[in-house]
Amino acid sequence: MSFNNLDQLYRQVIMDHYKNPRNKGEIEDSVTIDMNNPTCGDRIHLTLDVQDGIVKEAKFDGEGCSISMASASMMTQVIKGQPVEEALKYSRIFSDMMLGKEYDDSVDLGDIEALQGVAKFPARIKCATLSWKAMEKGIDQQSE
């Protein structure tokens, strides 16, 4: 597949998650995290149900650009059902990918790979990482 076709496919995946977000909503009686990116106006309301060290459920709501909302949708998909350590590992890998660093590409990131092009646009990295930072904060809160 040529670079242009791959780039187009990634754009389609991002727009699909933006227009048809997965796990949108709120979980009752859960860890709740509200974060925003004042630079561009993105805001996220993330709720996590963590039981016995497993992310049982993850849902989000918010407003923002396609990258921010698509990233939140992808993040909730990948962490659901995962041990907390694994969710945090995904977050580290995603952060490294966004910063253009070497990352463990043996891990199947699924749709998240579509966001790798964001690394070329430093102003958009905060958009992509907002929900991941919220998830890390939520796991920290839950373990206190």
N, C-alpha and C. Protein backbone atom coordinates (compact mmCIF):
# COMPACT_ATOMS: atom_id res chain seq x y z
N MET A 1 0.86 -1.17 0.00
CA MET A 1 0.00 0.00 0.00
C MET A 1 0.90 1.23 0.00
N SER A 2 0.61 2.17 -0.85
CA SER A 2 1.44 3.37 -0.94
C SER A 2 1.21 4.26 0.28
N PHE A 3 2.16 5.18 0.50
CA PHE A 3 2.08 6.09 1.64
C PHE A 3 0.79 6.90 1.59
N ASN A 4 0.42 7.40 0.41
CA ASN A 4 -0.81 8.21 0.31
C ASN A 4 -2.05 7.40 0.65
N ASN A 5 -2.09 6.14 0.20
CA ASN A 5 -3.23 5.29 0.52
C ASN A 5 -3.31 5.00 2.02
N LEU A 6 -2.14 4.76 2.63
CA LEU A 6 -2.10 4.49 4.06
C LEU A 6 -2.53 5.73 4.84
N ASP A 7 -2.05 6.89 4.43
CA ASP A 7 -2.43 8.15 5.06
C ASP A 7 -3.95 8.36 4.96
N GLN A 8 -4.51 8.07 3.81
CA GLN A 8 -5.95 8.21 3.60
C GLN A 8 -6.73 7.23 4.49
N LEU A 9 -6.23 6.00 4.60
CA LEU A 9 -6.86 5.00 5.45
C LEU A 9 -6.85 5.47 6.91
N TYR A 10 -5.71 5.99 7.37
CA TYR A 10 -5.61 6.49 8.73
C TYR A 10 -6.59 7.63 8.97
N ARG A 11 -6.72 8.53 8.00
CA ARG A 11 -7.69 9.64 8.13
C ARG A 11 -9.10 9.10 8.27
N GLN A 12 -9.42 8.06 7.49
CA GLN A 12 -10.76 7.47 7.55
C GLN A 12 -11.02 6.83 8.91
N VAL A 13 -10.01 6.17 9.47
CA VAL A 13 -10.16 5.53 10.78
C VAL A 13 -10.40 6.61 11.85
N ILE A 14 -9.62 7.68 11.80
CA ILE A 14 -9.78 8.77 12.76
C ILE A 14 -11.17 9.39 12.64
N MET A 15 -11.61 9.66 11.43
CA MET A 15 -12.93 10.26 11.24
C MET A 15 -14.06 9.31 11.66
N ASP A 16 -13.86 8.01 11.47
CA ASP A 16 -14.87 7.05 11.91
C ASP A 16 -15.03 7.09 13.43
N HIS A 17 -13.91 7.13 14.16
CA HIS A 17 -13.98 7.20 15.62
C HIS A 17 -14.55 8.55 16.08
N TYR A 18 -14.28 9.60 15.32
CA TYR A 18 -14.80 10.92 15.67
C TYR A 18 -16.32 10.99 15.47
N LYS A 19 -16.78 10.50 14.33
CA LYS A 19 -18.20 10.58 14.01
C LYS A 19 -19.03 9.49 14.71
N ASN A 20 -18.40 8.35 15.00
CA ASN A 20 -19.08 7.22 15.64
C ASN A 20 -18.26 6.77 16.86
N PRO A 21 -18.17 7.60 17.88
CA PRO A 21 -17.30 7.27 19.02
C PRO A 21 -17.75 6.01 19.74
N ARG A 22 -16.76 5.22 20.11
CA ARG A 22 -17.02 4.03 20.90
C ARG A 22 -16.96 4.42 22.38
N ASN A 23 -17.80 3.79 23.18
CA ASN A 23 -17.77 3.97 24.63
C ASN A 23 -18.05 5.40 25.07
N LYS A 24 -18.93 6.07 24.36
CA LYS A 24 -19.32 7.42 24.74
C LYS A 24 -20.40 7.30 25.81
N GLY A 25 -20.26 8.10 26.84
CA GLY A 25 -21.24 8.06 27.92
C GLY A 25 -20.56 8.19 29.26
N GLU A 26 -21.24 7.72 30.29
CA GLU A 26 -20.75 7.84 31.65
C GLU A 26 -21.09 6.60 32.45
N ILE A 27 -20.20 6.21 33.33
CA ILE A 27 -20.42 5.07 34.21
C ILE A 27 -20.79 5.62 35.58
N GLU A 28 -21.89 5.13 36.13
CA GLU A 28 -22.30 5.53 37.48
C GLU A 28 -21.35 4.95 38.51
N ASP A 29 -21.18 5.64 39.62
CA ASP A 29 -20.35 5.16 40.73
C ASP A 29 -18.98 4.69 40.26
N SER A 30 -18.26 5.60 39.62
CA SER A 30 -16.95 5.25 39.07
C SER A 30 -15.94 6.36 39.34
N VAL A 31 -14.71 6.08 39.00
CA VAL A 31 -13.68 7.11 39.06
C VAL A 31 -13.98 8.09 37.94
N THR A 32 -14.02 9.38 38.26
CA THR A 32 -14.36 10.42 37.29
C THR A 32 -13.20 11.40 37.16
N ILE A 33 -12.83 11.68 35.93
CA ILE A 33 -11.73 12.60 35.66
C ILE A 33 -12.20 13.60 34.62
N ASP A 34 -12.00 14.88 34.92
CA ASP A 34 -12.30 15.94 33.97
C ASP A 34 -10.98 16.65 33.67
N MET A 35 -10.65 16.74 32.40
CA MET A 35 -9.43 17.44 32.00
C MET A 35 -9.74 18.27 30.75
N ASN A 36 -8.92 19.30 30.55
CA ASN A 36 -9.09 20.08 29.33
C ASN A 36 -7.73 20.54 28.81
N ASN A 37 -7.75 20.95 27.57
CA ASN A 37 -6.56 21.50 26.92
C ASN A 37 -6.92 22.94 26.59
N PRO A 38 -6.49 23.89 27.44
CA PRO A 38 -6.88 25.28 27.23
C PRO A 38 -6.35 25.88 25.93
N THR A 39 -5.31 25.28 25.38
CA THR A 39 -4.73 25.79 24.14
C THR A 39 -5.72 25.73 22.99
N CYS A 40 -6.46 24.63 22.91
CA CYS A 40 -7.37 24.47 21.77
C CYS A 40 -8.83 24.27 22.17
N GLY A 41 -9.10 24.14 23.47
CA GLY A 41 -10.50 24.01 23.91
C GLY A 41 -10.99 22.58 24.06
N ASP A 42 -10.15 21.58 23.80
CA ASP A 42 -10.57 20.20 23.99
C ASP A 42 -10.86 19.97 25.47
N ARG A 43 -11.92 19.21 25.74
CA ARG A 43 -12.20 18.83 27.12
C ARG A 43 -12.71 17.39 27.13
N ILE A 44 -12.35 16.68 28.19
CA ILE A 44 -12.75 15.28 28.30
C ILE A 44 -13.30 15.01 29.69
N HIS A 45 -14.34 14.22 29.73
CA HIS A 45 -14.94 13.72 30.97
C HIS A 45 -14.84 12.20 30.86
N LEU A 46 -13.92 11.62 31.62
CA LEU A 46 -13.66 10.18 31.54
C LEU A 46 -14.12 9.51 32.81
N THR A 47 -14.81 8.39 32.66
CA THR A 47 -15.20 7.59 33.82
C THR A 47 -14.62 6.19 33.64
N LEU A 48 -14.07 5.67 34.73
CA LEU A 48 -13.44 4.35 34.73
C LEU A 48 -14.02 3.50 35.85
N ASP A 49 -14.28 2.24 35.52
CA ASP A 49 -14.67 1.25 36.52
C ASP A 49 -13.50 0.27 36.63
N VAL A 50 -12.73 0.42 37.70
CA VAL A 50 -11.57 -0.44 37.93
C VAL A 50 -11.87 -1.32 39.13
N GLN A 51 -11.83 -2.64 38.91
CA GLN A 51 -12.10 -3.59 39.98
C GLN A 51 -11.03 -4.67 39.98
N ASP A 52 -10.48 -4.94 41.14
CA ASP A 52 -9.46 -5.99 41.29
C ASP A 52 -8.32 -5.83 40.29
N GLY A 53 -7.91 -4.58 40.06
CA GLY A 53 -6.77 -4.32 39.18
C GLY A 53 -7.06 -4.44 37.70
N ILE A 54 -8.35 -4.53 37.34
CA ILE A 54 -8.77 -4.65 35.93
C ILE A 54 -9.65 -3.46 35.57
N VAL A 55 -9.40 -2.88 34.39
CA VAL A 55 -10.28 -1.82 33.88
C VAL A 55 -11.50 -2.52 33.29
N LYS A 56 -12.55 -2.60 34.08
CA LYS A 56 -13.77 -3.31 33.65
C LYS A 56 -14.52 -2.52 32.58
N GLU A 57 -14.54 -1.19 32.74
CA GLU A 57 -15.30 -0.34 31.82
C GLU A 57 -14.64 1.02 31.74
N ALA A 58 -14.74 1.64 30.58
CA ALA A 58 -14.21 3.00 30.37
C ALA A 58 -15.15 3.71 29.42
N LYS A 59 -15.60 4.88 29.81
CA LYS A 59 -16.48 5.69 28.95
C LYS A 59 -16.02 7.14 29.02
N PHE A 60 -16.35 7.88 27.97
CA PHE A 60 -15.95 9.28 27.94
C PHE A 60 -17.05 10.12 27.34
N ASP A 61 -16.95 11.40 27.63
CA ASP A 61 -17.77 12.41 26.99
C ASP A 61 -16.87 13.63 26.86
N GLY A 62 -17.25 14.55 26.06
CA GLY A 62 -16.44 15.75 25.92
C GLY A 62 -16.67 16.45 24.61
N GLU A 63 -15.84 17.44 24.39
CA GLU A 63 -15.88 18.22 23.16
C GLU A 63 -14.46 18.46 22.72
N GLY A 64 -14.27 18.49 21.42
CA GLY A 64 -12.94 18.80 20.94
C GLY A 64 -12.78 18.45 19.48
N CYS A 65 -11.56 18.55 19.04
CA CYS A 65 -11.24 18.29 17.64
C CYS A 65 -11.35 16.79 17.35
N SER A 66 -11.30 16.45 16.09
CA SER A 66 -11.42 15.05 15.68
C SER A 66 -10.31 14.19 16.28
N ILE A 67 -9.11 14.72 16.38
CA ILE A 67 -8.00 13.94 16.93
C ILE A 67 -8.23 13.63 18.40
N SER A 68 -8.64 14.62 19.16
CA SER A 68 -8.88 14.45 20.60
C SER A 68 -9.99 13.43 20.86
N MET A 69 -11.10 13.57 20.18
CA MET A 69 -12.24 12.69 20.42
C MET A 69 -11.99 11.28 19.86
N ALA A 70 -11.34 11.18 18.72
CA ALA A 70 -11.01 9.86 18.16
C ALA A 70 -10.03 9.13 19.07
N SER A 71 -9.06 9.86 19.60
CA SER A 71 -8.08 9.25 20.50
C SER A 71 -8.77 8.71 21.75
N ALA A 72 -9.72 9.46 22.30
CA ALA A 72 -10.47 9.01 23.49
C ALA A 72 -11.25 7.74 23.17
N SER A 73 -11.89 7.71 22.02
CA SER A 73 -12.65 6.54 21.59
C SER A 73 -11.73 5.32 21.47
N MET A 74 -10.59 5.50 20.83
CA MET A 74 -9.64 4.40 20.65
C MET A 74 -9.07 3.94 21.98
N MET A 75 -8.75 4.90 22.85
CA MET A 75 -8.18 4.57 24.14
C MET A 75 -9.14 3.73 24.97
N THR A 76 -10.42 4.11 25.01
CA THR A 76 -11.37 3.35 25.82
C THR A 76 -11.51 1.93 25.27
N GLN A 77 -11.44 1.78 23.96
CA GLN A 77 -11.54 0.44 23.38
C GLN A 77 -10.38 -0.45 23.81
N VAL A 78 -9.19 0.10 23.78
CA VAL A 78 -8.01 -0.73 24.03
C VAL A 78 -7.81 -1.06 25.51
N ILE A 79 -8.27 -0.20 26.43
CA ILE A 79 -8.01 -0.47 27.85
C ILE A 79 -9.09 -1.30 28.52
N LYS A 80 -10.29 -1.36 27.94
CA LYS A 80 -11.37 -2.14 28.55
C LYS A 80 -10.98 -3.61 28.66
N GLY A 81 -11.13 -4.13 29.88
CA GLY A 81 -10.81 -5.53 30.11
C GLY A 81 -9.34 -5.79 30.41
N GLN A 82 -8.54 -4.76 30.38
CA GLN A 82 -7.10 -4.91 30.59
C GLN A 82 -6.73 -4.71 32.06
N PRO A 83 -5.68 -5.42 32.51
CA PRO A 83 -5.13 -5.10 33.82
C PRO A 83 -4.62 -3.65 33.81
N VAL A 84 -4.65 -3.00 34.96
CA VAL A 84 -4.21 -1.61 35.07
C VAL A 84 -2.80 -1.45 34.52
N GLU A 85 -1.91 -2.39 34.83
CA GLU A 85 -0.53 -2.31 34.35
C GLU A 85 -0.47 -2.28 32.82
N GLU A 86 -1.33 -3.07 32.19
CA GLU A 86 -1.37 -3.13 30.73
C GLU A 86 -1.92 -1.82 30.15
N ALA A 87 -2.94 -1.26 30.78
CA ALA A 87 -3.50 0.02 30.34
C ALA A 87 -2.43 1.10 30.41
N LEU A 88 -1.65 1.10 31.49
CA LEU A 88 -0.57 2.09 31.62
C LEU A 88 0.55 1.83 30.61
N LYS A 89 0.77 0.58 30.28
CA LYS A 89 1.77 0.25 29.26
C LYS A 89 1.33 0.81 27.90
N TYR A 90 0.06 0.64 27.57
CA TYR A 90 -0.46 1.21 26.32
C TYR A 90 -0.26 2.72 26.32
N SER A 91 -0.49 3.35 27.47
CA SER A 91 -0.34 4.80 27.56
C SER A 91 1.11 5.22 27.31
N ARG A 92 2.06 4.47 27.88
CA ARG A 92 3.49 4.77 27.66
C ARG A 92 3.86 4.61 26.18
N ILE A 93 3.37 3.54 25.58
CA ILE A 93 3.65 3.29 24.16
C ILE A 93 3.06 4.42 23.32
N PHE A 94 1.82 4.80 23.62
CA PHE A 94 1.18 5.87 22.87
C PHE A 94 1.94 7.18 23.02
N SER A 95 2.36 7.50 24.24
CA SER A 95 3.12 8.72 24.49
C SER A 95 4.42 8.72 23.69
N ASP A 96 5.13 7.60 23.71
CA ASP A 96 6.38 7.49 22.94
C ASP A 96 6.10 7.68 21.44
N MET A 97 5.01 7.08 20.96
CA MET A 97 4.65 7.22 19.55
C MET A 97 4.38 8.69 19.21
N MET A 98 3.66 9.39 20.10
CA MET A 98 3.34 10.79 19.85
C MET A 98 4.58 11.68 19.87
N LEU A 99 5.57 11.30 20.67
CA LEU A 99 6.79 12.10 20.77
C LEU A 99 7.83 11.70 19.72
N GLY A 100 7.46 10.76 18.85
CA GLY A 100 8.39 10.34 17.80
C GLY A 100 9.52 9.48 18.30
N LYS A 101 9.35 8.92 19.50
CA LYS A 101 10.37 8.05 20.08
C LYS A 101 10.16 6.62 19.60
N GLU A 102 11.19 5.80 19.79
CA GLU A 102 11.06 4.37 19.54
C GLU A 102 10.01 3.82 20.52
N TYR A 103 9.18 2.92 20.04
CA TYR A 103 8.18 2.31 20.93
C TYR A 103 8.04 0.84 20.60
N ASP A 104 7.48 0.11 21.51
CA ASP A 104 7.33 -1.34 21.37
C ASP A 104 6.27 -1.63 20.31
N ASP A 105 6.73 -1.87 19.08
CA ASP A 105 5.77 -2.11 17.99
C ASP A 105 5.33 -3.57 17.91
N SER A 106 5.74 -4.38 18.89
CA SER A 106 5.26 -5.77 18.93
C SER A 106 3.86 -5.83 19.54
N VAL A 107 3.46 -4.75 20.20
CA VAL A 107 2.13 -4.67 20.80
C VAL A 107 1.13 -4.22 19.73
N ASP A 108 0.03 -4.96 19.60
CA ASP A 108 -0.99 -4.61 18.61
C ASP A 108 -1.79 -3.42 19.13
N LEU A 109 -1.60 -2.28 18.49
CA LEU A 109 -2.29 -1.06 18.91
C LEU A 109 -3.64 -0.88 18.22
N GLY A 110 -3.93 -1.71 17.26
CA GLY A 110 -5.21 -1.61 16.55
C GLY A 110 -5.36 -0.25 15.89
N ASP A 111 -6.53 0.34 16.05
CA ASP A 111 -6.83 1.62 15.40
C ASP A 111 -5.93 2.76 15.88
N ILE A 112 -5.34 2.61 17.05
CA ILE A 112 -4.50 3.67 17.60
C ILE A 112 -3.35 4.03 16.66
N GLU A 113 -2.89 3.06 15.88
CA GLU A 113 -1.80 3.32 14.93
C GLU A 113 -2.16 4.43 13.95
N ALA A 114 -3.44 4.62 13.72
CA ALA A 114 -3.89 5.67 12.80
C ALA A 114 -3.47 7.06 13.28
N LEU A 115 -3.17 7.19 14.56
CA LEU A 115 -2.81 8.50 15.13
C LEU A 115 -1.30 8.78 15.05
N GLN A 116 -0.51 7.85 14.53
CA GLN A 116 0.94 8.06 14.56
C GLN A 116 1.38 9.29 13.76
N GLY A 117 0.63 9.69 12.76
CA GLY A 117 0.97 10.87 11.98
C GLY A 117 0.86 12.17 12.77
N VAL A 118 0.15 12.15 13.90
CA VAL A 118 -0.01 13.33 14.73
C VAL A 118 1.36 13.82 15.23
N ALA A 119 2.30 12.90 15.40
CA ALA A 119 3.63 13.25 15.90
C ALA A 119 4.30 14.31 15.02
N LYS A 120 3.90 14.41 13.77
CA LYS A 120 4.48 15.41 12.85
C LYS A 120 3.94 16.82 13.10
N PHE A 121 2.91 16.91 13.94
CA PHE A 121 2.26 18.20 14.21
C PHE A 121 2.28 18.47 15.72
N PRO A 122 3.37 19.05 16.23
CA PRO A 122 3.52 19.23 17.68
C PRO A 122 2.33 19.90 18.36
N ALA A 123 1.67 20.81 17.70
CA ALA A 123 0.54 21.50 18.32
C ALA A 123 -0.64 20.56 18.56
N ARG A 124 -0.67 19.42 17.87
CA ARG A 124 -1.80 18.49 18.00
C ARG A 124 -1.53 17.34 18.96
N ILE A 125 -0.29 17.21 19.42
CA ILE A 125 0.06 16.10 20.31
C ILE A 125 -0.76 16.16 21.60
N LYS A 126 -0.96 17.36 22.15
CA LYS A 126 -1.76 17.48 23.38
C LYS A 126 -3.20 17.06 23.14
N CYS A 127 -3.69 17.29 21.93
CA CYS A 127 -5.05 16.87 21.59
C CYS A 127 -5.15 15.34 21.69
N ALA A 128 -4.17 14.67 21.10
CA ALA A 128 -4.18 13.21 21.05
C ALA A 128 -3.95 12.58 22.41
N THR A 129 -3.18 13.23 23.26
CA THR A 129 -2.81 12.60 24.54
C THR A 129 -3.73 12.97 25.71
N LEU A 130 -4.65 13.89 25.52
CA LEU A 130 -5.51 14.35 26.61
C LEU A 130 -6.24 13.21 27.32
N SER A 131 -6.90 12.35 26.57
CA SER A 131 -7.67 11.26 27.19
C SER A 131 -6.75 10.26 27.88
N TRP A 132 -5.56 10.06 27.32
CA TRP A 132 -4.60 9.14 27.93
C TRP A 132 -4.10 9.67 29.26
N LYS A 133 -3.85 10.97 29.32
CA LYS A 133 -3.43 11.60 30.58
C LYS A 133 -4.57 11.50 31.61
N ALA A 134 -5.80 11.66 31.15
CA ALA A 134 -6.96 11.52 32.04
C ALA A 134 -7.04 10.10 32.59
N MET A 135 -6.79 9.12 31.74
CA MET A 135 -6.82 7.72 32.18
C MET A 135 -5.74 7.46 33.23
N GLU A 136 -4.53 7.96 32.99
CA GLU A 136 -3.45 7.79 33.96
C GLU A 136 -3.82 8.43 35.31
N LYS A 137 -4.39 9.62 35.24
CA LYS A 137 -4.82 10.32 36.45
C LYS A 137 -5.90 9.53 37.18
N GLY A 138 -6.84 8.99 36.43
CA GLY A 138 -7.92 8.19 37.02
C GLY A 138 -7.42 6.93 37.72
N ILE A 139 -6.46 6.27 37.11
CA ILE A 139 -5.88 5.07 37.72
C ILE A 139 -5.12 5.46 38.98
N ASP A 140 -4.41 6.59 38.96
CA ASP A 140 -3.73 7.07 40.15
C ASP A 140 -4.73 7.35 41.28
N GLN A 141 -5.84 8.02 40.92
CA GLN A 141 -6.88 8.35 41.92
C GLN A 141 -7.46 7.09 42.52
N GLN A 142 -7.73 6.12 41.69
CA GLN A 142 -8.39 4.88 42.11
C GLN A 142 -7.49 4.09 43.05
N SER A 143 -6.19 4.16 42.84
CA SER A 143 -5.28 3.34 43.65
C SER A 143 -4.89 4.02 44.97
N GLU A 144 -5.37 5.25 45.19
CA GLU A 144 -5.06 5.96 46.45
C GLU A 144 -5.85 5.42 47.61
